[in-house]
């Protein structure tokens, strides 16, 4: 299966994630406990991976499965990083507004490239570094609001704690992705066996979060397992399936592609979400909306240029001289009387 097909599918699923989540609301609020969605998504991924692993084990030869405790104990670390990251996100939003947070979130594009180079020892060319920076610029361009929507000074007027938490959030997000890729490519174990380990710990940590919420609320609404499916609709289940399927695709990319491909997929998904939102939520063609459309169009152009710069062969980007050796028979023989002594 080609990586670009998986990346395109990831872009489509990621772009529909926010739209489905918005559609799952009723009168602007959730009728279900939104903390149960990640837990059920982890359970879904675990069930799918277990089934695929069972099918793989029925074949011959058996897939490679490392059961050494020193290897297995590495798999809770991504869940721990994501747990810390989620708390840092809430801390960041205490100091900055939503627009500033979204713009600062684009730092993870650059931090992913840096950690990709430092920890995985993957060398990127100068053109690829320029492409990554262009991608961050393109996504930021499409997100910057006009001065008529909010104060232009809001981006630079947040307390220093907000910027520090924003940078930490970007670094943690990149670290989780790079570390997951390291785990997936550490050995030749079956992808499904690695997923089973990863999602088992993911389900455990999400269950711990639900228990913690119960203790904080002093079990006012009963234990979490009694209200697990309360308020769920078809749209809510679509959110769960979307989130679970996205995680499975990301694990495939981590195993057979890399983090940069995932970054491009999720960035393009953000632009696609903006386009779909215009049609789905009936934005009126006011001057403000036209301004947003121009910014979105500019962001798409910049991100498309970045995509081409990163993945296209260098000979398509630069006018390099041909390095093909010439046929000796095609060389013109210089007569002896035209040669000069040096």
C-alpha atoms as a PDB file:
ATOM      1  CA  UNK A   1       0.000   0.000   0.000  1.00  0.00           C
ATOM      2  CA  UNK A   2       1.460   3.325  -1.071  1.00  0.00           C
ATOM      3  CA  UNK A   3       2.172   5.875   1.664  1.00  0.00           C
ATOM      4  CA  UNK A   4       0.628   8.739  -0.306  1.00  0.00           C
ATOM      5  CA  UNK A   5      -2.715   6.906  -0.413  1.00  0.00           C
ATOM      6  CA  UNK A   6      -2.642   6.502   3.386  1.00  0.00           C
ATOM      7  CA  UNK A   7      -1.584  10.145   3.790  1.00  0.00           C
ATOM      8  CA  UNK A   8      -4.455  11.333   1.570  1.00  0.00           C
ATOM      9  CA  UNK A   9      -6.943   9.212   3.503  1.00  0.00           C
ATOM     10  CA  UNK A  10      -5.552  10.615   6.761  1.00  0.00           C
ATOM     11  CA  UNK A  11      -6.059  14.142   5.424  1.00  0.00           C
ATOM     12  CA  UNK A  12      -9.711  13.442   4.610  1.00  0.00           C
ATOM     13  CA  UNK A  13     -10.431  11.803   7.983  1.00  0.00           C
ATOM     14  CA  UNK A  14      -8.614  14.485   9.970  1.00  0.00           C
ATOM     15  CA  UNK A  15     -10.426  17.281   8.120  1.00  0.00           C
ATOM     16  CA  UNK A  16     -13.807  15.729   8.927  1.00  0.00           C
ATOM     17  CA  UNK A  17     -12.900  15.258  12.595  1.00  0.00           C
ATOM     18  CA  UNK A  18     -13.631  18.811  13.724  1.00  0.00           C
ATOM     19  CA  UNK A  19     -16.746  19.009  11.551  1.00  0.00           C
ATOM     20  CA  UNK A  20     -18.184  15.790  12.988  1.00  0.00           C
ATOM     21  CA  UNK A  21     -17.391  16.946  16.520  1.00  0.00           C
ATOM     22  CA  UNK A  22     -19.243  20.220  15.871  1.00  0.00           C
ATOM     23  CA  UNK A  23     -22.219  18.364  14.383  1.00  0.00           C
ATOM     24  CA  UNK A  24     -22.338  16.082  17.438  1.00  0.00           C
ATOM     25  CA  UNK A  25     -23.275  19.080  19.601  1.00  0.00           C
ATOM     26  CA  UNK A  26     -26.871  19.881  20.449  1.00  0.00           C
ATOM     27  CA  UNK A  27     -27.743  23.544  20.975  1.00  0.00           C
ATOM     28  CA  UNK A  28     -24.062  24.380  21.322  1.00  0.00           C
ATOM     29  CA  UNK A  29     -23.310  21.799  24.009  1.00  0.00           C
ATOM     30  CA  UNK A  30     -22.374  18.139  24.317  1.00  0.00           C
ATOM     31  CA  UNK A  31     -25.067  15.795  25.597  1.00  0.00           C
ATOM     32  CA  UNK A  32     -22.423  13.153  26.218  1.00  0.00           C
ATOM     33  CA  UNK A  33     -19.258  13.014  28.285  1.00  0.00           C
ATOM     34  CA  UNK A  34     -16.630  14.010  25.717  1.00  0.00           C
ATOM     35  CA  UNK A  35     -13.902  12.351  27.823  1.00  0.00           C
ATOM     36  CA  UNK A  36     -15.391   8.961  26.903  1.00  0.00           C
ATOM     37  CA  UNK A  37     -14.727   9.520  23.172  1.00  0.00           C
ATOM     38  CA  UNK A  38     -10.905   9.106  23.345  1.00  0.00           C
ATOM     39  CA  UNK A  39     -11.344   6.050  25.573  1.00  0.00           C
ATOM     40  CA  UNK A  40     -13.734   4.351  23.148  1.00  0.00           C
ATOM     41  CA  UNK A  41     -11.458   5.313  20.247  1.00  0.00           C
ATOM     42  CA  UNK A  42      -8.540   3.586  22.000  1.00  0.00           C
ATOM     43  CA  UNK A  43     -10.697   0.506  22.604  1.00  0.00           C
ATOM     44  CA  UNK A  44     -11.718   0.502  18.926  1.00  0.00           C
ATOM     45  CA  UNK A  45      -8.075   0.710  17.798  1.00  0.00           C
ATOM     46  CA  UNK A  46      -7.139  -2.069  20.228  1.00  0.00           C
ATOM     47  CA  UNK A  47      -9.912  -4.344  18.943  1.00  0.00           C
ATOM     48  CA  UNK A  48      -9.031  -3.755  15.277  1.00  0.00           C
ATOM     49  CA  UNK A  49      -5.304  -4.283  15.902  1.00  0.00           C
ATOM     50  CA  UNK A  50      -5.985  -7.457  17.938  1.00  0.00           C
ATOM     51  CA  UNK A  51      -8.148  -8.879  15.142  1.00  0.00           C
ATOM     52  CA  UNK A  52      -5.530  -8.096  12.477  1.00  0.00           C
ATOM     53  CA  UNK A  53      -2.799  -9.587  14.677  1.00  0.00           C
ATOM     54  CA  UNK A  54      -4.900 -12.754  15.132  1.00  0.00           C
ATOM     55  CA  UNK A  55      -5.276 -13.040  11.357  1.00  0.00           C
ATOM     56  CA  UNK A  56      -1.559 -12.498  10.895  1.00  0.00           C
ATOM     57  CA  UNK A  57      -0.730 -15.199  13.453  1.00  0.00           C
ATOM     58  CA  UNK A  58      -2.752 -17.748  11.482  1.00  0.00           C
ATOM     59  CA  UNK A  59      -0.359 -17.431   8.581  1.00  0.00           C
ATOM     60  CA  UNK A  60       3.046 -19.000   8.217  1.00  0.00           C
ATOM     61  CA  UNK A  61       5.626 -17.903   9.203  1.00  0.00           C
ATOM     62  CA  UNK A  62       4.470 -16.289  12.415  1.00  0.00           C
ATOM     63  CA  UNK A  63       4.996 -12.521  12.719  1.00  0.00           C
ATOM     64  CA  UNK A  64       7.819 -11.285  14.874  1.00  0.00           C
ATOM     65  CA  UNK A  65       6.640 -10.230  18.349  1.00  0.00           C
ATOM     66  CA  UNK A  66       9.151  -9.029  20.918  1.00  0.00           C
ATOM     67  CA  UNK A  67       7.899  -9.776  24.435  1.00  0.00           C
ATOM     68  CA  UNK A  68      10.979  -8.591  26.299  1.00  0.00           C
ATOM     69  CA  UNK A  69       9.911  -6.382  29.197  1.00  0.00           C
ATOM     70  CA  UNK A  70      12.595  -3.796  28.397  1.00  0.00           C
ATOM     71  CA  UNK A  71      10.914  -3.255  25.033  1.00  0.00           C
ATOM     72  CA  UNK A  72       7.306  -3.478  26.237  1.00  0.00           C
ATOM     73  CA  UNK A  73       7.855  -0.895  28.985  1.00  0.00           C
ATOM     74  CA  UNK A  74       8.704   1.716  26.349  1.00  0.00           C
ATOM     75  CA  UNK A  75       5.160   1.756  24.958  1.00  0.00           C
ATOM     76  CA  UNK A  76       3.451   3.624  27.858  1.00  0.00           C
ATOM     77  CA  UNK A  77       5.735   6.623  27.266  1.00  0.00           C
ATOM     78  CA  UNK A  78       3.770   8.108  24.292  1.00  0.00           C
ATOM     79  CA  UNK A  79       0.560   7.914  26.348  1.00  0.00           C
ATOM     80  CA  UNK A  80       2.292   9.690  29.231  1.00  0.00           C
ATOM     81  CA  UNK A  81       3.596  12.408  26.887  1.00  0.00           C
ATOM     82  CA  UNK A  82       0.122  12.938  25.401  1.00  0.00           C
ATOM     83  CA  UNK A  83      -1.358  13.061  28.918  1.00  0.00           C
ATOM     84  CA  UNK A  84       1.078  15.808  29.913  1.00  0.00           C
ATOM     85  CA  UNK A  85       0.481  17.554  26.574  1.00  0.00           C
ATOM     86  CA  UNK A  86      -3.279  17.686  27.129  1.00  0.00           C
ATOM     87  CA  UNK A  87      -2.780  19.333  30.518  1.00  0.00           C
ATOM     88  CA  UNK A  88      -0.306  21.823  29.053  1.00  0.00           C
ATOM     89  CA  UNK A  89      -2.913  22.707  26.409  1.00  0.00           C
ATOM     90  CA  UNK A  90      -5.423  23.647  29.104  1.00  0.00           C
ATOM     91  CA  UNK A  91      -2.734  25.642  30.932  1.00  0.00           C
ATOM     92  CA  UNK A  92      -1.875  27.513  27.706  1.00  0.00           C
ATOM     93  CA  UNK A  93      -5.519  28.493  27.126  1.00  0.00           C
ATOM     94  CA  UNK A  94      -5.566  30.081  30.581  1.00  0.00           C
ATOM     95  CA  UNK A  95      -3.133  32.750  29.363  1.00  0.00           C
ATOM     96  CA  UNK A  96      -3.818  33.166  25.620  1.00  0.00           C
ATOM     97  CA  UNK A  97      -6.958  33.373  23.501  1.00  0.00           C
ATOM     98  CA  UNK A  98      -8.035  30.693  21.041  1.00  0.00           C
ATOM     99  CA  UNK A  99      -6.674  32.471  17.956  1.00  0.00           C
ATOM    100  CA  UNK A 100      -3.237  32.936  19.492  1.00  0.00           C
ATOM    101  CA  UNK A 101      -3.257  29.310  20.613  1.00  0.00           C
ATOM    102  CA  UNK A 102      -4.029  28.073  17.094  1.00  0.00           C
ATOM    103  CA  UNK A 103      -1.245  30.177  15.603  1.00  0.00           C
ATOM    104  CA  UNK A 104       1.264  29.032  18.226  1.00  0.00           C
ATOM    105  CA  UNK A 105       0.202  25.446  17.535  1.00  0.00           C
ATOM    106  CA  UNK A 106       1.894  25.716  14.132  1.00  0.00           C
ATOM    107  CA  UNK A 107       5.226  25.708  15.956  1.00  0.00           C
ATOM    108  CA  UNK A 108       4.877  21.910  16.157  1.00  0.00           C
ATOM    109  CA  UNK A 109       5.574  21.784  12.401  1.00  0.00           C
ATOM    110  CA  UNK A 110       9.045  23.229  12.933  1.00  0.00           C
ATOM    111  CA  UNK A 111       9.708  21.416  16.232  1.00  0.00           C
ATOM    112  CA  UNK A 112       8.823  18.118  14.559  1.00  0.00           C
ATOM    113  CA  UNK A 113      11.465  18.783  11.902  1.00  0.00           C
ATOM    114  CA  UNK A 114      14.044  19.670  14.575  1.00  0.00           C
ATOM    115  CA  UNK A 115      13.357  16.593  16.734  1.00  0.00           C
ATOM    116  CA  UNK A 116      13.162  14.484  13.577  1.00  0.00           C
ATOM    117  CA  UNK A 117      16.753  15.543  12.864  1.00  0.00           C
ATOM    118  CA  UNK A 118      18.094  15.348  16.428  1.00  0.00           C
ATOM    119  CA  UNK A 119      16.587  12.095  17.709  1.00  0.00           C
ATOM    120  CA  UNK A 120      16.032  10.039  14.570  1.00  0.00           C
ATOM    121  CA  UNK A 121      19.209  11.297  12.876  1.00  0.00           C
ATOM    122  CA  UNK A 122      17.334  11.985   9.628  1.00  0.00           C
ATOM    123  CA  UNK A 123      19.161  14.533   7.532  1.00  0.00           C
ATOM    124  CA  UNK A 124      17.002  17.078   5.721  1.00  0.00           C
ATOM    125  CA  UNK A 125      18.228  19.112   2.765  1.00  0.00           C
ATOM    126  CA  UNK A 126      18.138  22.904   2.765  1.00  0.00           C
ATOM    127  CA  UNK A 127      15.159  22.785   0.377  1.00  0.00           C
ATOM    128  CA  UNK A 128      13.280  20.498   2.749  1.00  0.00           C
ATOM    129  CA  UNK A 129      13.937  22.823   5.686  1.00  0.00           C
ATOM    130  CA  UNK A 130      12.648  25.715   3.595  1.00  0.00           C
ATOM    131  CA  UNK A 131       9.581  23.632   2.716  1.00  0.00           C
ATOM    132  CA  UNK A 132       8.837  22.919   6.403  1.00  0.00           C
ATOM    133  CA  UNK A 133       9.110  26.621   7.279  1.00  0.00           C
ATOM    134  CA  UNK A 134       6.884  27.488   4.314  1.00  0.00           C
ATOM    135  CA  UNK A 135       4.300  24.984   5.573  1.00  0.00           C
ATOM    136  CA  UNK A 136       4.247  26.690   8.977  1.00  0.00           C
ATOM    137  CA  UNK A 137       3.915  30.090   7.286  1.00  0.00           C
ATOM    138  CA  UNK A 138       1.115  28.860   5.023  1.00  0.00           C
ATOM    139  CA  UNK A 139      -0.968  27.385   7.838  1.00  0.00           C
ATOM    140  CA  UNK A 140      -0.406  30.474   9.983  1.00  0.00           C
ATOM    141  CA  UNK A 141      -1.448  32.759   7.118  1.00  0.00           C
ATOM    142  CA  UNK A 142      -4.787  30.989   6.821  1.00  0.00           C
ATOM    143  CA  UNK A 143      -5.395  31.315  10.579  1.00  0.00           C
ATOM    144  CA  UNK A 144      -4.480  34.956  11.282  1.00  0.00           C
ATOM    145  CA  UNK A 145      -7.609  36.958  11.905  1.00  0.00           C
ATOM    146  CA  UNK A 146      -8.246  40.442  10.642  1.00  0.00           C
ATOM    147  CA  UNK A 147      -8.113  43.439  12.887  1.00  0.00           C
ATOM    148  CA  UNK A 148     -11.859  43.784  12.582  1.00  0.00           C
ATOM    149  CA  UNK A 149     -12.433  40.443  14.314  1.00  0.00           C
ATOM    150  CA  UNK A 150     -10.137  40.874  17.269  1.00  0.00           C
ATOM    151  CA  UNK A 151      -7.447  43.208  18.399  1.00  0.00           C
ATOM    152  CA  UNK A 152      -4.258  42.860  16.378  1.00  0.00           C
ATOM    153  CA  UNK A 153      -2.356  43.350  19.594  1.00  0.00           C
ATOM    154  CA  UNK A 154      -3.843  40.212  21.214  1.00  0.00           C
ATOM    155  CA  UNK A 155      -1.199  38.023  19.601  1.00  0.00           C
ATOM    156  CA  UNK A 156       1.605  39.884  21.368  1.00  0.00           C
ATOM    157  CA  UNK A 157      -0.146  40.981  24.564  1.00  0.00           C
ATOM    158  CA  UNK A 158      -0.401  37.592  26.304  1.00  0.00           C
ATOM    159  CA  UNK A 159       1.636  36.953  29.474  1.00  0.00           C
ATOM    160  CA  UNK A 160       5.031  35.318  29.051  1.00  0.00           C
ATOM    161  CA  UNK A 161       3.643  32.159  30.702  1.00  0.00           C
ATOM    162  CA  UNK A 162       1.266  31.702  27.770  1.00  0.00           C
ATOM    163  CA  UNK A 163       4.101  31.743  25.228  1.00  0.00           C
ATOM    164  CA  UNK A 164       6.196  29.373  27.342  1.00  0.00           C
ATOM    165  CA  UNK A 165       3.324  26.908  27.663  1.00  0.00           C
ATOM    166  CA  UNK A 166       2.620  27.246  23.924  1.00  0.00           C
ATOM    167  CA  UNK A 167       6.221  26.401  23.033  1.00  0.00           C
ATOM    168  CA  UNK A 168       6.169  23.499  25.515  1.00  0.00           C
ATOM    169  CA  UNK A 169       2.930  22.210  23.989  1.00  0.00           C
ATOM    170  CA  UNK A 170       4.453  22.281  20.486  1.00  0.00           C
ATOM    171  CA  UNK A 171       7.568  20.461  21.705  1.00  0.00           C
ATOM    172  CA  UNK A 172       5.540  17.788  23.523  1.00  0.00           C
ATOM    173  CA  UNK A 173       3.348  17.187  20.478  1.00  0.00           C
ATOM    174  CA  UNK A 174       6.416  16.782  18.264  1.00  0.00           C
ATOM    175  CA  UNK A 175       8.179  14.623  20.865  1.00  0.00           C
ATOM    176  CA  UNK A 176       5.217  12.237  21.111  1.00  0.00           C
ATOM    177  CA  UNK A 177       5.151  11.794  17.331  1.00  0.00           C
ATOM    178  CA  UNK A 178       8.911  11.361  16.945  1.00  0.00           C
ATOM    179  CA  UNK A 179       9.098   8.929  19.869  1.00  0.00           C
ATOM    180  CA  UNK A 180       6.231   6.878  18.431  1.00  0.00           C
ATOM    181  CA  UNK A 181       8.084   6.644  15.121  1.00  0.00           C
ATOM    182  CA  UNK A 182      11.192   5.539  17.026  1.00  0.00           C
ATOM    183  CA  UNK A 183       9.187   2.752  18.700  1.00  0.00           C
ATOM    184  CA  UNK A 184       7.616   1.600  15.457  1.00  0.00           C
ATOM    185  CA  UNK A 185      10.950   1.414  13.631  1.00  0.00           C
ATOM    186  CA  UNK A 186      13.029   0.162  16.561  1.00  0.00           C
ATOM    187  CA  UNK A 187      12.712  -3.438  15.354  1.00  0.00           C
ATOM    188  CA  UNK A 188      10.961  -5.523  12.750  1.00  0.00           C
ATOM    189  CA  UNK A 189       8.032  -6.466  14.985  1.00  0.00           C
ATOM    190  CA  UNK A 190       4.571  -6.786  13.489  1.00  0.00           C
ATOM    191  CA  UNK A 191       2.810  -3.434  13.177  1.00  0.00           C
ATOM    192  CA  UNK A 192      -0.317  -4.943  14.726  1.00  0.00           C
ATOM    193  CA  UNK A 193       1.611  -6.286  17.720  1.00  0.00           C
ATOM    194  CA  UNK A 194       3.118  -2.856  18.293  1.00  0.00           C
ATOM    195  CA  UNK A 195      -0.343  -1.302  17.992  1.00  0.00           C
ATOM    196  CA  UNK A 196      -1.778  -3.737  20.553  1.00  0.00           C
ATOM    197  CA  UNK A 197       0.846  -2.648  23.070  1.00  0.00           C
ATOM    198  CA  UNK A 198       0.452   1.041  22.255  1.00  0.00           C
ATOM    199  CA  UNK A 199      -3.348   1.085  22.443  1.00  0.00           C
ATOM    200  CA  UNK A 200      -3.538  -1.119  25.536  1.00  0.00           C
ATOM    201  CA  UNK A 201      -1.656   1.510  27.505  1.00  0.00           C
ATOM    202  CA  UNK A 202      -3.643   4.242  25.762  1.00  0.00           C
ATOM    203  CA  UNK A 203      -6.926   2.684  26.909  1.00  0.00           C
ATOM    204  CA  UNK A 204      -5.572   2.277  30.458  1.00  0.00           C
ATOM    205  CA  UNK A 205      -4.507   5.927  30.704  1.00  0.00           C
ATOM    206  CA  UNK A 206      -7.819   7.164  29.303  1.00  0.00           C
ATOM    207  CA  UNK A 207      -9.663   4.957  31.779  1.00  0.00           C
ATOM    208  CA  UNK A 208      -7.551   6.497  34.537  1.00  0.00           C
ATOM    209  CA  UNK A 209      -8.623   9.938  33.372  1.00  0.00           C
ATOM    210  CA  UNK A 210     -12.308   8.937  33.599  1.00  0.00           C
ATOM    211  CA  UNK A 211     -11.764   7.607  37.123  1.00  0.00           C
ATOM    212  CA  UNK A 212      -9.983  10.821  38.098  1.00  0.00           C
ATOM    213  CA  UNK A 213     -12.935  12.861  36.807  1.00  0.00           C
ATOM    214  CA  UNK A 214     -15.258  10.718  38.946  1.00  0.00           C
ATOM    215  CA  UNK A 215     -13.208  11.381  42.072  1.00  0.00           C
ATOM    216  CA  UNK A 216     -13.070  15.101  41.340  1.00  0.00           C
ATOM    217  CA  UNK A 217     -16.853  15.178  40.922  1.00  0.00           C
ATOM    218  CA  UNK A 218     -17.293  12.943  43.990  1.00  0.00           C
ATOM    219  CA  UNK A 219     -19.258  10.458  41.828  1.00  0.00           C
ATOM    220  CA  UNK A 220     -22.119  12.936  41.527  1.00  0.00           C
ATOM    221  CA  UNK A 221     -23.242  11.388  38.220  1.00  0.00           C
ATOM    222  CA  UNK A 222     -22.270   7.838  39.135  1.00  0.00           C
ATOM    223  CA  UNK A 223     -19.218   5.855  37.985  1.00  0.00           C
ATOM    224  CA  UNK A 224     -18.022   6.413  34.434  1.00  0.00           C
ATOM    225  CA  UNK A 225     -18.992   2.948  33.156  1.00  0.00           C
ATOM    226  CA  UNK A 226     -22.667   3.578  33.957  1.00  0.00           C
ATOM    227  CA  UNK A 227     -22.799   6.739  31.834  1.00  0.00           C
ATOM    228  CA  UNK A 228     -20.381   5.564  29.144  1.00  0.00           C
ATOM    229  CA  UNK A 229     -22.911   5.706  26.283  1.00  0.00           C
ATOM    230  CA  UNK A 230     -25.239   8.351  27.710  1.00  0.00           C
ATOM    231  CA  UNK A 231     -26.227  10.921  25.078  1.00  0.00           C
ATOM    232  CA  UNK A 232     -24.527   9.069  22.235  1.00  0.00           C
ATOM    233  CA  UNK A 233     -25.981   9.523  18.749  1.00  0.00           C
ATOM    234  CA  UNK A 234     -24.979   8.246  15.320  1.00  0.00           C
ATOM    235  CA  UNK A 235     -22.850  11.370  14.846  1.00  0.00           C
ATOM    236  CA  UNK A 236     -21.060  10.735  18.148  1.00  0.00           C
ATOM    237  CA  UNK A 237     -20.248   7.186  17.079  1.00  0.00           C
ATOM    238  CA  UNK A 238     -18.934   8.577  13.802  1.00  0.00           C
ATOM    239  CA  UNK A 239     -16.598  10.805  15.837  1.00  0.00           C
ATOM    240  CA  UNK A 240     -15.334   7.729  17.737  1.00  0.00           C
ATOM    241  CA  UNK A 241     -14.792   5.728  14.530  1.00  0.00           C
ATOM    242  CA  UNK A 242     -13.128   8.710  12.863  1.00  0.00           C
ATOM    243  CA  UNK A 243     -10.752   9.243  15.780  1.00  0.00           C
ATOM    244  CA  UNK A 244      -9.927   5.532  15.958  1.00  0.00           C
ATOM    245  CA  UNK A 245      -9.372   5.165  12.215  1.00  0.00           C
ATOM    246  CA  UNK A 246      -7.152   8.256  12.198  1.00  0.00           C
ATOM    247  CA  UNK A 247      -4.969   6.722  14.917  1.00  0.00           C
ATOM    248  CA  UNK A 248      -4.588   3.490  12.944  1.00  0.00           C
ATOM    249  CA  UNK A 249      -3.529   5.397   9.831  1.00  0.00           C
ATOM    250  CA  UNK A 250      -1.020   7.442  11.822  1.00  0.00           C
ATOM    251  CA  UNK A 251       0.569   4.276  13.230  1.00  0.00           C
ATOM    252  CA  UNK A 252       0.906   2.930   9.679  1.00  0.00           C
ATOM    253  CA  UNK A 253       2.658   6.131   8.590  1.00  0.00           C
ATOM    254  CA  UNK A 254       4.960   5.990  11.609  1.00  0.00           C
ATOM    255  CA  UNK A 255       5.965   2.441  10.637  1.00  0.00           C
ATOM    256  CA  UNK A 256       6.332   2.777   6.879  1.00  0.00           C
ATOM    257  CA  UNK A 257       6.724   6.536   6.273  1.00  0.00           C
ATOM    258  CA  UNK A 258       7.705   9.227   8.778  1.00  0.00           C
ATOM    259  CA  UNK A 259       6.529  12.126  10.935  1.00  0.00           C
ATOM    260  CA  UNK A 260       6.973  14.732   8.219  1.00  0.00           C
ATOM    261  CA  UNK A 261       4.397  12.956   6.045  1.00  0.00           C
ATOM    262  CA  UNK A 262       1.983  13.011   8.992  1.00  0.00           C
ATOM    263  CA  UNK A 263       2.641  16.727   9.572  1.00  0.00           C
ATOM    264  CA  UNK A 264       1.831  17.509   5.936  1.00  0.00           C
ATOM    265  CA  UNK A 265      -1.332  15.383   6.090  1.00  0.00           C
ATOM    266  CA  UNK A 266      -2.663  17.095   9.209  1.00  0.00           C
ATOM    267  CA  UNK A 267      -1.734  20.565   7.919  1.00  0.00           C
ATOM    268  CA  UNK A 268      -3.521  19.990   4.627  1.00  0.00           C
ATOM    269  CA  UNK A 269      -6.469  18.621   6.611  1.00  0.00           C
ATOM    270  CA  UNK A 270      -6.740  21.914   8.480  1.00  0.00           C
ATOM    271  CA  UNK A 271      -7.027  23.816   5.193  1.00  0.00           C
ATOM    272  CA  UNK A 272      -9.561  21.304   3.869  1.00  0.00           C
ATOM    273  CA  UNK A 273     -11.616  21.719   7.047  1.00  0.00           C
ATOM    274  CA  UNK A 274     -11.793  25.478   6.486  1.00  0.00           C
ATOM    275  CA  UNK A 275     -13.010  24.963   2.925  1.00  0.00           C
ATOM    276  CA  UNK A 276     -15.672  22.434   3.946  1.00  0.00           C
ATOM    277  CA  UNK A 277     -16.849  24.648   6.811  1.00  0.00           C
ATOM    278  CA  UNK A 278     -17.686  27.444   4.373  1.00  0.00           C
ATOM    279  CA  UNK A 279     -20.165  25.174   2.563  1.00  0.00           C
ATOM    280  CA  UNK A 280     -21.473  23.133   5.505  1.00  0.00           C
ATOM    281  CA  UNK A 281     -22.134  25.978   7.938  1.00  0.00           C
ATOM    282  CA  UNK A 282     -23.540  28.459   5.380  1.00  0.00           C
ATOM    283  CA  UNK A 283     -21.150  31.353   5.818  1.00  0.00           C
ATOM    284  CA  UNK A 284     -22.584  34.510   4.267  1.00  0.00           C
ATOM    285  CA  UNK A 285     -20.435  36.225   1.630  1.00  0.00           C
ATOM    286  CA  UNK A 286     -19.734  39.322   3.714  1.00  0.00           C
ATOM    287  CA  UNK A 287     -16.577  41.418   3.408  1.00  0.00           C
ATOM    288  CA  UNK A 288     -15.168  39.659   6.451  1.00  0.00           C
ATOM    289  CA  UNK A 289     -15.776  36.214   4.927  1.00  0.00           C
ATOM    290  CA  UNK A 290     -14.211  37.329   1.643  1.00  0.00           C
ATOM    291  CA  UNK A 291     -11.122  38.449   3.544  1.00  0.00           C
ATOM    292  CA  UNK A 292     -10.946  35.012   5.188  1.00  0.00           C
ATOM    293  CA  UNK A 293     -11.339  33.376   1.781  1.00  0.00           C
ATOM    294  CA  UNK A 294      -8.410  35.368   0.382  1.00  0.00           C
ATOM    295  CA  UNK A 295      -6.225  34.334   3.327  1.00  0.00           C
ATOM    296  CA  UNK A 296      -7.279  30.707   2.937  1.00  0.00           C
ATOM    297  CA  UNK A 297      -6.501  30.810  -0.776  1.00  0.00           C
ATOM    298  CA  UNK A 298      -3.066  32.311  -0.062  1.00  0.00           C
ATOM    299  CA  UNK A 299      -2.423  29.668   2.623  1.00  0.00           C
ATOM    300  CA  UNK A 300      -3.334  26.874   0.210  1.00  0.00           C
ATOM    301  CA  UNK A 301      -0.922  28.232  -2.414  1.00  0.00           C
ATOM    302  CA  UNK A 302       1.951  28.474   0.086  1.00  0.00           C
ATOM    303  CA  UNK A 303       1.292  24.984   1.512  1.00  0.00           C
ATOM    304  CA  UNK A 304       1.088  23.492  -1.992  1.00  0.00           C
ATOM    305  CA  UNK A 305       4.453  25.070  -2.839  1.00  0.00           C
ATOM    306  CA  UNK A 306       5.868  23.621   0.383  1.00  0.00           C
ATOM    307  CA  UNK A 307       4.490  20.168  -0.457  1.00  0.00           C
ATOM    308  CA  UNK A 308       6.111  20.266  -3.896  1.00  0.00           C
ATOM    309  CA  UNK A 309       9.434  21.530  -2.523  1.00  0.00           C
ATOM    310  CA  UNK A 310       9.678  18.797   0.110  1.00  0.00           C
ATOM    311  CA  UNK A 311       8.679  15.711  -1.889  1.00  0.00           C
ATOM    312  CA  UNK A 312       9.679  16.556  -5.473  1.00  0.00           C
ATOM    313  CA  UNK A 313      13.055  15.267  -6.743  1.00  0.00           C
ATOM    314  CA  UNK A 314      15.753  17.983  -6.642  1.00  0.00           C
ATOM    315  CA  UNK A 315      16.232  17.860 -10.415  1.00  0.00           C
ATOM    316  CA  UNK A 316      12.635  19.065 -10.844  1.00  0.00           C
ATOM    317  CA  UNK A 317      13.235  22.044  -8.567  1.00  0.00           C
ATOM    318  CA  UNK A 318      16.693  23.124  -9.685  1.00  0.00           C
ATOM    319  CA  UNK A 319      18.142  23.442 -13.145  1.00  0.00           C
ATOM    320  CA  UNK A 320      20.971  21.030 -12.454  1.00  0.00           C
ATOM    321  CA  UNK A 321      23.445  20.094 -15.205  1.00  0.00           C
ATOM    322  CA  UNK A 322      23.140  16.563 -16.480  1.00  0.00           C
ATOM    323  CA  UNK A 323      25.510  14.117 -14.777  1.00  0.00           C
ATOM    324  CA  UNK A 324      25.020  11.405 -17.393  1.00  0.00           C
ATOM    325  CA  UNK A 325      28.284  10.223 -18.859  1.00  0.00           C
ATOM    326  CA  UNK A 326      28.682  10.950 -22.539  1.00  0.00           C
ATOM    327  CA  UNK A 327      29.264   8.182 -25.027  1.00  0.00           C
ATOM    328  CA  UNK A 328      32.990   8.088 -25.950  1.00  0.00           C
ATOM    329  CA  UNK A 329      32.065   7.578 -29.602  1.00  0.00           C
ATOM    330  CA  UNK A 330      30.153  10.857 -29.581  1.00  0.00           C
ATOM    331  CA  UNK A 331      33.200  12.840 -28.513  1.00  0.00           C
ATOM    332  CA  UNK A 332      34.814  14.919 -31.230  1.00  0.00           C
ATOM    333  CA  UNK A 333      38.423  14.006 -31.874  1.00  0.00           C
ATOM    334  CA  UNK A 334      40.698  16.999 -31.871  1.00  0.00           C
ATOM    335  CA  UNK A 335      43.328  16.879 -34.626  1.00  0.00           C
ATOM    336  CA  UNK A 336      46.953  16.822 -33.478  1.00  0.00           C
ATOM    337  CA  UNK A 337      47.814  19.992 -35.310  1.00  0.00           C
ATOM    338  CA  UNK A 338      45.141  21.919 -33.338  1.00  0.00           C
ATOM    339  CA  UNK A 339      46.458  20.856 -29.953  1.00  0.00           C
ATOM    340  CA  UNK A 340      48.618  23.238 -28.007  1.00  0.00           C
ATOM    341  CA  UNK A 341      51.365  22.289 -25.665  1.00  0.00           C
ATOM    342  CA  UNK A 342      50.976  23.459 -22.109  1.00  0.00           C
END
